[in-house]
Amino acid sequence: MVRKFTMYSDHIRIEERSIALHGEIAKRLHTRRELVEVARKNLEQWIQRDGETPPLTEWRRILGQPLEDIINFLVSPGEKARQLRQSSPFCGILPPRERWKIYEAFSAGTYYQSRRKHR
C-alpha cells in the first residue's frame, strides 16, 4: 500500500516539475515571442523524422494559436496539457543551468523533504 502511494506521489512530483519547467518557458515567451519559433522548428523536425503522430499534430494546432493561448496551455493543469507536456517541443529554450535547478528542486529527496516542513 505504501508503494502505491509513493508511485502516485511521484507522478504528482513529476507533473509539478513539468509545470514548473513550462512556467519558466511561459515567462520567457511573454518577453521573447520569437521563442515560439524554436518550438515550431523542433516540431517540424520531429514530424519530418517521425511522421505525423497525434501529439505532434496537436502541438502544431496549439502553436498556431495566439501567444496567450499557447502560454496558458503550457501551464494548464488539464489532462490534455499534462499529456502533451510529455512531448513538448519547447526543449532548448531553458538554459541547462536553469533546467537543472528546477530538476533539483523536484528531486525526490528535496521535494518530499520540503513537503514535510509545510505540514
N, C-alpha and C. Protein backbone atom coordinates (compact mmCIF):
# COMPACT_ATOMS: atom_id res chain seq x y z
N MET A 1 0.82 -1.20 0.00
CA MET A 1 0.00 0.00 0.00
C MET A 1 0.86 1.26 0.00
N VAL A 2 1.92 1.28 0.77
CA VAL A 2 2.80 2.44 0.82
C VAL A 2 3.42 2.68 -0.55
N ARG A 3 3.81 1.61 -1.23
CA ARG A 3 4.42 1.76 -2.53
C ARG A 3 3.46 2.43 -3.52
N LYS A 4 2.20 2.05 -3.49
CA LYS A 4 1.22 2.66 -4.37
C LYS A 4 1.13 4.16 -4.11
N PHE A 5 1.14 4.56 -2.86
CA PHE A 5 1.09 5.98 -2.51
C PHE A 5 2.33 6.69 -3.01
N THR A 6 3.49 6.05 -2.88
CA THR A 6 4.73 6.66 -3.33
C THR A 6 4.71 6.84 -4.84
N MET A 7 4.25 5.84 -5.59
CA MET A 7 4.19 5.98 -7.04
C MET A 7 3.25 7.12 -7.41
N TYR A 8 2.11 7.19 -6.75
CA TYR A 8 1.17 8.26 -7.03
C TYR A 8 1.82 9.60 -6.71
N SER A 9 2.52 9.68 -5.59
CA SER A 9 3.19 10.92 -5.22
C SER A 9 4.27 11.28 -6.23
N ASP A 10 4.98 10.26 -6.75
CA ASP A 10 5.99 10.54 -7.75
C ASP A 10 5.37 11.08 -9.03
N HIS A 11 4.20 10.60 -9.40
CA HIS A 11 3.52 11.15 -10.57
C HIS A 11 3.17 12.62 -10.35
N ILE A 12 2.72 12.94 -9.17
CA ILE A 12 2.40 14.33 -8.83
C ILE A 12 3.67 15.17 -8.87
N ARG A 13 4.73 14.66 -8.28
CA ARG A 13 6.01 15.39 -8.25
C ARG A 13 6.50 15.67 -9.67
N ILE A 14 6.45 14.68 -10.52
CA ILE A 14 6.92 14.85 -11.89
C ILE A 14 6.03 15.82 -12.67
N GLU A 15 4.73 15.76 -12.43
CA GLU A 15 3.82 16.70 -13.09
C GLU A 15 4.06 18.12 -12.60
N GLU A 16 4.28 18.30 -11.30
CA GLU A 16 4.59 19.63 -10.77
C GLU A 16 5.90 20.16 -11.35
N ARG A 17 6.87 19.28 -11.54
CA ARG A 17 8.15 19.68 -12.14
C ARG A 17 7.91 20.12 -13.59
N SER A 18 7.10 19.38 -14.32
CA SER A 18 6.81 19.73 -15.70
C SER A 18 6.12 21.10 -15.79
N ILE A 19 5.18 21.34 -14.89
CA ILE A 19 4.51 22.64 -14.87
C ILE A 19 5.50 23.75 -14.51
N ALA A 20 6.42 23.49 -13.58
CA ALA A 20 7.43 24.49 -13.22
C ALA A 20 8.34 24.80 -14.41
N LEU A 21 8.78 23.78 -15.12
CA LEU A 21 9.62 23.98 -16.30
C LEU A 21 8.87 24.81 -17.35
N HIS A 22 7.64 24.42 -17.61
CA HIS A 22 6.87 25.13 -18.63
C HIS A 22 6.45 26.53 -18.15
N GLY A 23 6.34 26.71 -16.84
CA GLY A 23 6.08 28.05 -16.30
C GLY A 23 7.25 28.98 -16.59
N GLU A 24 8.46 28.47 -16.46
CA GLU A 24 9.64 29.29 -16.80
C GLU A 24 9.68 29.60 -18.28
N ILE A 25 9.32 28.63 -19.09
CA ILE A 25 9.26 28.87 -20.54
C ILE A 25 8.21 29.93 -20.84
N ALA A 26 7.06 29.82 -20.19
CA ALA A 26 5.98 30.80 -20.40
C ALA A 26 6.43 32.21 -20.05
N LYS A 27 7.19 32.36 -18.98
CA LYS A 27 7.72 33.69 -18.61
C LYS A 27 8.58 34.26 -19.73
N ARG A 28 9.40 33.42 -20.33
CA ARG A 28 10.26 33.87 -21.42
C ARG A 28 9.45 34.25 -22.66
N LEU A 29 8.40 33.49 -22.93
CA LEU A 29 7.58 33.77 -24.10
C LEU A 29 6.91 35.13 -24.00
N HIS A 30 6.60 35.56 -22.78
CA HIS A 30 5.98 36.88 -22.60
C HIS A 30 6.90 37.98 -23.12
N THR A 31 8.20 37.82 -22.92
CA THR A 31 9.14 38.87 -23.30
C THR A 31 9.88 38.58 -24.61
N ARG A 32 9.89 37.32 -25.01
CA ARG A 32 10.60 36.94 -26.24
C ARG A 32 9.70 36.05 -27.11
N ARG A 33 8.78 36.67 -27.77
CA ARG A 33 7.78 35.97 -28.58
C ARG A 33 8.42 35.06 -29.63
N GLU A 34 9.61 35.44 -30.07
CA GLU A 34 10.27 34.66 -31.13
C GLU A 34 10.64 33.25 -30.68
N LEU A 35 10.59 32.99 -29.38
CA LEU A 35 10.90 31.64 -28.89
C LEU A 35 9.87 30.60 -29.33
N VAL A 36 8.69 31.06 -29.70
CA VAL A 36 7.70 30.13 -30.23
C VAL A 36 8.23 29.49 -31.51
N GLU A 37 9.05 30.24 -32.24
CA GLU A 37 9.64 29.69 -33.47
C GLU A 37 10.57 28.53 -33.18
N VAL A 38 11.26 28.56 -32.04
CA VAL A 38 12.11 27.44 -31.64
C VAL A 38 11.25 26.19 -31.52
N ALA A 39 10.12 26.32 -30.86
CA ALA A 39 9.21 25.17 -30.70
C ALA A 39 8.67 24.71 -32.05
N ARG A 40 8.32 25.65 -32.90
CA ARG A 40 7.80 25.27 -34.23
C ARG A 40 8.85 24.53 -35.05
N LYS A 41 10.09 24.99 -34.99
CA LYS A 41 11.17 24.32 -35.72
C LYS A 41 11.43 22.92 -35.15
N ASN A 42 11.46 22.82 -33.83
CA ASN A 42 11.61 21.50 -33.21
C ASN A 42 10.51 20.56 -33.68
N LEU A 43 9.29 21.06 -33.65
CA LEU A 43 8.13 20.27 -34.03
C LEU A 43 8.24 19.78 -35.47
N GLU A 44 8.59 20.68 -36.37
CA GLU A 44 8.70 20.30 -37.78
C GLU A 44 9.81 19.26 -38.00
N GLN A 45 10.90 19.39 -37.27
CA GLN A 45 11.98 18.38 -37.37
C GLN A 45 11.47 17.02 -36.90
N TRP A 46 10.73 17.01 -35.81
CA TRP A 46 10.19 15.75 -35.28
C TRP A 46 9.20 15.12 -36.26
N ILE A 47 8.37 15.96 -36.87
CA ILE A 47 7.39 15.44 -37.84
C ILE A 47 8.11 14.87 -39.06
N GLN A 48 9.16 15.55 -39.52
CA GLN A 48 9.93 15.02 -40.65
C GLN A 48 10.57 13.69 -40.29
N ARG A 49 11.06 13.58 -39.07
CA ARG A 49 11.74 12.36 -38.63
C ARG A 49 10.76 11.23 -38.32
N ASP A 50 9.68 11.55 -37.59
CA ASP A 50 8.77 10.52 -37.06
C ASP A 50 7.43 10.43 -37.77
N GLY A 51 7.14 11.39 -38.62
CA GLY A 51 5.84 11.42 -39.27
C GLY A 51 4.80 12.12 -38.39
N GLU A 52 3.62 12.24 -38.94
CA GLU A 52 2.52 12.89 -38.22
C GLU A 52 1.97 11.92 -37.16
N THR A 53 2.20 12.24 -35.93
CA THR A 53 1.62 11.47 -34.83
C THR A 53 0.58 12.36 -34.15
N PRO A 54 -0.39 11.77 -33.47
CA PRO A 54 -1.42 12.60 -32.83
C PRO A 54 -0.86 13.70 -31.90
N PRO A 55 0.13 13.41 -31.03
CA PRO A 55 0.63 14.50 -30.19
C PRO A 55 1.29 15.62 -30.99
N LEU A 56 2.03 15.27 -32.03
CA LEU A 56 2.70 16.30 -32.83
C LEU A 56 1.69 17.12 -33.63
N THR A 57 0.67 16.45 -34.14
CA THR A 57 -0.39 17.16 -34.85
C THR A 57 -1.10 18.12 -33.91
N GLU A 58 -1.33 17.69 -32.67
CA GLU A 58 -1.99 18.57 -31.68
C GLU A 58 -1.09 19.75 -31.33
N TRP A 59 0.20 19.51 -31.17
CA TRP A 59 1.13 20.61 -30.90
C TRP A 59 1.13 21.61 -32.06
N ARG A 60 1.08 21.12 -33.28
CA ARG A 60 1.05 22.03 -34.44
C ARG A 60 -0.18 22.93 -34.35
N ARG A 61 -1.32 22.36 -33.97
CA ARG A 61 -2.54 23.15 -33.83
C ARG A 61 -2.37 24.19 -32.72
N ILE A 62 -1.82 23.77 -31.59
CA ILE A 62 -1.64 24.68 -30.45
C ILE A 62 -0.68 25.82 -30.81
N LEU A 63 0.40 25.49 -31.49
CA LEU A 63 1.39 26.52 -31.85
C LEU A 63 0.87 27.49 -32.91
N GLY A 64 -0.26 27.18 -33.51
CA GLY A 64 -0.89 28.09 -34.46
C GLY A 64 -1.84 29.07 -33.79
N GLN A 65 -2.01 28.94 -32.49
CA GLN A 65 -2.92 29.81 -31.75
C GLN A 65 -2.20 31.09 -31.31
N PRO A 66 -2.97 32.08 -30.83
CA PRO A 66 -2.35 33.30 -30.30
C PRO A 66 -1.42 32.98 -29.12
N LEU A 67 -0.43 33.82 -28.94
CA LEU A 67 0.60 33.59 -27.92
C LEU A 67 0.01 33.37 -26.54
N GLU A 68 -0.97 34.15 -26.14
CA GLU A 68 -1.55 33.99 -24.80
C GLU A 68 -2.19 32.62 -24.62
N ASP A 69 -2.79 32.10 -25.66
CA ASP A 69 -3.38 30.76 -25.59
C ASP A 69 -2.29 29.70 -25.45
N ILE A 70 -1.18 29.88 -26.15
CA ILE A 70 -0.06 28.94 -26.04
C ILE A 70 0.48 28.96 -24.61
N ILE A 71 0.70 30.16 -24.09
CA ILE A 71 1.23 30.31 -22.73
C ILE A 71 0.28 29.68 -21.71
N ASN A 72 -1.00 29.94 -21.84
CA ASN A 72 -1.98 29.35 -20.91
C ASN A 72 -1.97 27.83 -20.98
N PHE A 73 -1.83 27.30 -22.18
CA PHE A 73 -1.80 25.85 -22.35
C PHE A 73 -0.57 25.24 -21.67
N LEU A 74 0.56 25.91 -21.79
CA LEU A 74 1.81 25.37 -21.23
C LEU A 74 1.71 25.08 -19.74
N VAL A 75 0.96 25.88 -19.02
CA VAL A 75 0.88 25.73 -17.56
C VAL A 75 -0.48 25.21 -17.09
N SER A 76 -1.30 24.80 -18.03
CA SER A 76 -2.63 24.30 -17.68
C SER A 76 -2.52 22.99 -16.90
N PRO A 77 -3.36 22.83 -15.87
CA PRO A 77 -3.38 21.56 -15.14
C PRO A 77 -4.26 20.51 -15.82
N GLY A 78 -4.86 20.86 -16.95
CA GLY A 78 -5.77 19.95 -17.63
C GLY A 78 -5.10 18.69 -18.15
N GLU A 79 -5.92 17.69 -18.37
CA GLU A 79 -5.44 16.38 -18.81
C GLU A 79 -4.70 16.45 -20.15
N LYS A 80 -5.26 17.17 -21.12
CA LYS A 80 -4.63 17.28 -22.44
C LYS A 80 -3.26 17.95 -22.32
N ALA A 81 -3.18 19.02 -21.55
CA ALA A 81 -1.89 19.71 -21.37
C ALA A 81 -0.89 18.79 -20.67
N ARG A 82 -1.35 18.06 -19.67
CA ARG A 82 -0.48 17.14 -18.94
C ARG A 82 0.11 16.11 -19.90
N GLN A 83 -0.74 15.56 -20.75
CA GLN A 83 -0.27 14.56 -21.71
C GLN A 83 0.71 15.16 -22.71
N LEU A 84 0.38 16.31 -23.25
CA LEU A 84 1.22 16.88 -24.30
C LEU A 84 2.53 17.45 -23.78
N ARG A 85 2.58 17.86 -22.51
CA ARG A 85 3.86 18.34 -21.96
C ARG A 85 4.92 17.24 -22.00
N GLN A 86 4.49 15.99 -22.06
CA GLN A 86 5.45 14.88 -22.12
C GLN A 86 6.18 14.85 -23.46
N SER A 87 5.63 15.52 -24.47
CA SER A 87 6.29 15.59 -25.77
C SER A 87 6.40 17.05 -26.21
N SER A 88 6.77 17.90 -25.29
CA SER A 88 6.82 19.33 -25.52
C SER A 88 7.90 19.72 -26.54
N PRO A 89 7.53 20.53 -27.53
CA PRO A 89 8.52 20.99 -28.49
C PRO A 89 9.33 22.20 -27.98
N PHE A 90 9.13 22.57 -26.72
CA PHE A 90 9.82 23.74 -26.18
C PHE A 90 11.20 23.41 -25.60
N CYS A 91 11.73 22.24 -25.96
CA CYS A 91 13.07 21.90 -25.48
C CYS A 91 14.09 22.85 -26.11
N GLY A 92 15.13 23.15 -25.36
CA GLY A 92 16.17 24.03 -25.85
C GLY A 92 15.96 25.50 -25.50
N ILE A 93 14.83 25.82 -24.88
CA ILE A 93 14.57 27.22 -24.54
C ILE A 93 15.21 27.59 -23.21
N LEU A 94 15.10 26.72 -22.23
CA LEU A 94 15.72 27.00 -20.93
C LEU A 94 17.20 26.61 -20.97
N PRO A 95 18.06 27.48 -20.46
CA PRO A 95 19.48 27.10 -20.36
C PRO A 95 19.63 25.90 -19.42
N PRO A 96 20.61 25.04 -19.68
CA PRO A 96 20.79 23.84 -18.85
C PRO A 96 20.86 24.14 -17.35
N ARG A 97 21.54 25.19 -16.97
CA ARG A 97 21.67 25.52 -15.54
C ARG A 97 20.31 25.77 -14.90
N GLU A 98 19.45 26.50 -15.58
CA GLU A 98 18.11 26.78 -15.03
C GLU A 98 17.24 25.52 -15.01
N ARG A 99 17.35 24.73 -16.07
CA ARG A 99 16.59 23.49 -16.13
C ARG A 99 16.99 22.57 -14.98
N TRP A 100 18.30 22.44 -14.74
CA TRP A 100 18.76 21.55 -13.67
C TRP A 100 18.42 22.09 -12.29
N LYS A 101 18.31 23.39 -12.16
CA LYS A 101 17.89 23.99 -10.89
C LYS A 101 16.46 23.53 -10.55
N ILE A 102 15.60 23.52 -11.56
CA ILE A 102 14.23 23.06 -11.36
C ILE A 102 14.22 21.56 -11.09
N TYR A 103 15.01 20.82 -11.85
CA TYR A 103 15.08 19.37 -11.61
C TYR A 103 15.53 19.08 -10.18
N GLU A 104 16.51 19.82 -9.70
CA GLU A 104 16.99 19.62 -8.33
C GLU A 104 15.90 19.93 -7.31
N ALA A 105 15.15 21.01 -7.54
CA ALA A 105 14.07 21.38 -6.62
C ALA A 105 13.00 20.29 -6.55
N PHE A 106 12.88 19.51 -7.62
CA PHE A 106 11.87 18.46 -7.66
C PHE A 106 12.47 17.06 -7.58
N SER A 107 13.74 16.98 -7.17
CA SER A 107 14.31 15.65 -6.94
C SER A 107 13.55 15.04 -5.77
N ALA A 108 13.51 13.73 -5.71
CA ALA A 108 12.70 13.06 -4.68
C ALA A 108 13.05 13.54 -3.28
N GLY A 109 14.33 13.58 -2.95
CA GLY A 109 14.73 13.98 -1.61
C GLY A 109 14.33 15.41 -1.28
N THR A 110 14.62 16.33 -2.17
CA THR A 110 14.29 17.74 -1.95
C THR A 110 12.78 17.95 -1.89
N TYR A 111 12.08 17.35 -2.82
CA TYR A 111 10.63 17.53 -2.93
C TYR A 111 9.91 17.03 -1.68
N TYR A 112 10.19 15.80 -1.30
CA TYR A 112 9.48 15.22 -0.16
C TYR A 112 9.90 15.87 1.16
N GLN A 113 11.15 16.28 1.26
CA GLN A 113 11.60 16.97 2.46
C GLN A 113 10.87 18.30 2.62
N SER A 114 10.71 19.04 1.52
CA SER A 114 10.02 20.33 1.61
C SER A 114 8.55 20.15 1.92
N ARG A 115 7.94 19.06 1.52
CA ARG A 115 6.53 18.81 1.82
C ARG A 115 6.32 18.51 3.31
N ARG A 116 7.28 17.88 3.93
CA ARG A 116 7.18 17.57 5.37
C ARG A 116 7.21 18.85 6.20
N LYS A 117 7.99 19.83 5.77
CA LYS A 117 8.11 21.06 6.53
C LYS A 117 6.82 21.87 6.50
N HIS A 118 6.03 21.72 5.44
CA HIS A 118 4.82 22.51 5.29
C HIS A 118 3.60 21.92 5.96
N ARG A 119 3.69 20.74 6.49
CA ARG A 119 2.52 20.10 7.12
C ARG A 119 2.29 20.58 8.50
